[in-house]
Amino acid sequence: MKPIRESDLPGIGRKYEIETLSRERFVIVVHDDGRREIYTPDRSDPDDTVSVATLEDDEARAIGAILGGMHYKPKALETIEVALNDLIIEWYRIDDGYAAVGLTIGELDVRQKTGASIIAAVYPDHTHHINPGSDYRLRGGSTLIVAGERNQLKVLKQLLTHGGS
């Protein structure tokens, strides 16, 4: 993605101009009252608008969550990672055959053995458990959202697949 161009719109809000790698362009205007407008300029005349959508704040946030992958993560991204300096957040699918299935975070001694933290568990029906404690029992088919440094996550992955051995 090319850099996003930002500009203030005095008395209105802020404008963001985006051009994707596939050369699609669109403009998002965030109004001071929370509304968002999305414009797609006409390729032959950039000053002409092809389509417009106006969203209220809660609608824009819901769409942002969808675009950001909060509701559905494509299969190709199951092990996506986000690097924040040395901190990495990763998603691990827990297969039914993993040694850790049925054990609790405390029984596995996750924090002490790995230094990593389990932030949340997401189930196949899209329900979730945020900030599971030491008594949380790992379920096959779930996806864990974990945080730690790269070497800590490697140890955690080993612990999940092979247990304490």
Protein backbone atom coordinates (compact mmCIF):
# COMPACT_ATOMS: atom_id res chain seq x y z
CA MET A 1 0.00 0.00 0.00
CA LYS A 2 1.21 3.48 -0.80
CA PRO A 3 1.40 6.05 1.99
CA ILE A 4 -1.94 7.45 3.12
CA ARG A 5 -2.25 11.18 2.51
CA GLU A 6 -3.94 13.08 5.32
CA SER A 7 -5.23 16.61 5.42
CA ASP A 8 -7.27 18.70 7.83
CA LEU A 9 -10.65 19.98 6.71
CA PRO A 10 -11.24 23.00 9.00
CA GLY A 11 -14.72 22.98 10.45
CA ILE A 12 -15.40 19.52 8.94
CA GLY A 13 -12.81 17.02 10.16
CA ARG A 14 -9.98 15.10 8.48
CA LYS A 15 -9.54 13.64 4.99
CA TYR A 16 -7.59 10.47 4.15
CA GLU A 17 -6.63 9.63 0.56
CA ILE A 18 -5.65 6.03 -0.08
CA GLU A 19 -4.25 4.33 -3.17
CA THR A 20 -3.87 0.56 -3.03
CA LEU A 21 -1.19 -1.51 -4.75
CA SER A 22 -3.77 -2.36 -7.42
CA ARG A 23 -4.09 1.41 -8.06
CA GLU A 24 -7.63 1.64 -6.63
CA ARG A 25 -8.21 5.01 -5.00
CA PHE A 26 -10.64 6.13 -2.36
CA VAL A 27 -11.11 8.99 0.05
CA ILE A 28 -12.41 8.77 3.60
CA VAL A 29 -13.64 11.89 5.37
CA VAL A 30 -13.97 11.63 9.14
CA HIS A 31 -16.31 14.38 10.32
CA ASP A 32 -15.93 16.05 13.70
CA ASP A 33 -19.39 14.69 14.64
CA GLY A 34 -18.22 11.08 14.10
CA ARG A 35 -19.75 10.44 10.67
CA ARG A 36 -17.53 8.94 7.97
CA GLU A 37 -17.94 9.33 4.23
CA ILE A 38 -16.26 7.08 1.69
CA TYR A 39 -15.71 8.34 -1.84
CA THR A 40 -14.38 6.50 -4.86
CA PRO A 41 -13.06 8.96 -7.43
CA ASP A 42 -13.81 8.38 -11.11
CA ARG A 43 -10.60 7.10 -12.77
CA SER A 44 -11.10 9.32 -15.81
CA ASP A 45 -11.92 12.43 -13.74
CA PRO A 46 -10.49 12.43 -10.18
CA ASP A 47 -12.68 15.41 -9.27
CA ASP A 48 -15.85 13.39 -10.00
CA THR A 49 -17.21 10.87 -7.47
CA VAL A 50 -18.37 7.42 -8.57
CA SER A 51 -19.86 6.25 -5.29
CA VAL A 52 -20.41 7.54 -1.77
CA ALA A 53 -21.27 5.86 1.50
CA THR A 54 -22.03 7.69 4.73
CA LEU A 55 -21.56 5.79 7.98
CA GLU A 56 -22.39 6.67 11.55
CA ASP A 57 -19.62 6.15 14.14
CA ASP A 58 -20.83 2.71 15.30
CA GLU A 59 -21.30 1.53 11.70
CA ALA A 60 -17.77 2.66 10.77
CA ARG A 61 -16.32 0.87 13.81
CA ALA A 62 -18.18 -2.33 12.93
CA ILE A 63 -16.88 -2.20 9.35
CA GLY A 64 -13.39 -1.40 10.65
CA ALA A 65 -13.51 -4.51 12.86
CA ILE A 66 -14.57 -6.63 9.88
CA LEU A 67 -11.82 -5.21 7.67
CA GLY A 68 -9.31 -5.64 10.49
CA GLY A 69 -10.15 -9.33 10.88
CA MET A 70 -11.90 -9.20 14.25
CA HIS A 71 -14.87 -11.28 13.07
CA TYR A 72 -13.32 -13.62 10.52
CA LYS A 73 -9.76 -14.54 9.76
CA PRO A 74 -9.07 -16.13 6.37
CA LYS A 75 -7.53 -19.61 6.56
CA ALA A 76 -4.32 -18.33 4.97
CA LEU A 77 -3.80 -16.02 7.95
CA GLU A 78 -4.17 -18.54 10.78
CA THR A 79 -0.60 -18.00 11.92
CA ILE A 80 -0.41 -14.29 11.17
CA GLU A 81 1.80 -12.34 13.49
CA VAL A 82 1.95 -8.71 14.40
CA ALA A 83 5.36 -7.47 15.56
CA LEU A 84 5.49 -4.62 18.06
CA ASN A 85 9.22 -4.19 18.62
CA ASP A 86 10.10 -7.47 20.39
CA LEU A 87 6.48 -8.31 21.31
CA ILE A 88 4.71 -10.61 18.89
CA ILE A 89 1.01 -11.45 18.91
CA GLU A 90 0.21 -14.69 17.16
CA TRP A 91 -2.79 -16.96 16.58
CA TYR A 92 -2.35 -20.72 17.27
CA ARG A 93 -5.02 -23.21 16.25
CA ILE A 94 -5.19 -26.01 18.82
CA ASP A 95 -5.66 -29.30 16.97
CA ASP A 96 -7.53 -32.10 18.76
CA GLY A 97 -4.34 -34.22 18.81
CA TYR A 98 -2.23 -31.67 20.70
CA ALA A 99 -0.92 -32.93 24.05
CA ALA A 100 -2.17 -29.77 25.80
CA VAL A 101 -5.86 -30.40 24.94
CA GLY A 102 -7.80 -30.94 28.15
CA LEU A 103 -5.08 -29.48 30.37
CA THR A 104 -5.31 -26.13 32.12
CA ILE A 105 -2.96 -23.20 31.64
CA GLY A 106 -1.84 -23.77 35.25
CA GLU A 107 -1.19 -27.49 34.72
CA LEU A 108 0.96 -26.61 31.72
CA ASP A 109 2.68 -23.88 33.76
CA VAL A 110 2.59 -21.71 30.62
CA ARG A 111 3.91 -18.41 32.01
CA GLN A 112 6.72 -19.95 34.04
CA LYS A 113 7.87 -22.39 31.34
CA THR A 114 7.56 -20.08 28.34
CA GLY A 115 7.30 -16.46 29.47
CA ALA A 116 4.45 -16.04 26.94
CA SER A 117 0.87 -15.08 27.75
CA ILE A 118 -2.38 -16.49 26.44
CA ILE A 119 -4.53 -13.42 25.75
CA ALA A 120 -7.72 -15.10 24.54
CA ALA A 121 -9.27 -18.27 23.14
CA VAL A 122 -11.64 -18.17 20.17
CA TYR A 123 -13.92 -21.13 19.46
CA PRO A 124 -15.14 -22.43 16.09
CA ASP A 125 -18.60 -20.93 16.72
CA HIS A 126 -16.87 -17.49 17.08
CA THR A 127 -17.51 -17.23 20.82
CA HIS A 128 -14.46 -16.38 22.86
CA HIS A 129 -12.85 -16.34 26.29
CA ILE A 130 -10.80 -13.20 26.99
CA ASN A 131 -7.85 -13.24 29.43
CA PRO A 132 -8.16 -16.89 30.52
CA GLY A 133 -6.77 -17.65 33.98
CA SER A 134 -4.66 -20.56 35.18
CA ASP A 135 -7.79 -22.74 35.56
CA TYR A 136 -8.72 -22.34 31.88
CA ARG A 137 -8.81 -25.75 30.14
CA LEU A 138 -7.54 -25.85 26.55
CA ARG A 139 -10.01 -27.11 23.93
CA GLY A 140 -9.25 -28.80 20.65
CA GLY A 141 -10.45 -26.84 17.64
CA SER A 142 -10.04 -23.50 19.39
CA THR A 143 -7.60 -20.77 18.41
CA LEU A 144 -5.39 -19.16 21.04
CA ILE A 145 -4.25 -15.57 20.74
CA VAL A 146 -0.86 -15.41 22.45
CA ALA A 147 1.76 -12.74 23.12
CA GLY A 148 5.45 -12.91 23.80
CA GLU A 149 8.87 -12.67 22.23
CA ARG A 150 9.67 -14.94 19.29
CA ASN A 151 11.70 -17.45 21.35
CA GLN A 152 8.96 -17.57 24.03
CA LEU A 153 6.30 -18.31 21.42
CA LYS A 154 8.44 -21.09 19.97
CA VAL A 155 8.63 -22.72 23.43
CA LEU A 156 4.87 -22.21 23.90
CA LYS A 157 4.10 -23.88 20.55
CA GLN A 158 6.24 -26.87 21.64
CA LEU A 159 4.44 -26.99 25.00
CA LEU A 160 1.03 -26.95 23.31
CA THR A 161 1.85 -29.66 20.79
CA HIS A 162 3.91 -32.00 23.01
CA GLY A 163 2.85 -31.03 26.53
CA GLY A 164 5.30 -30.85 29.41
CA SER A 165 7.55 -33.57 28.00
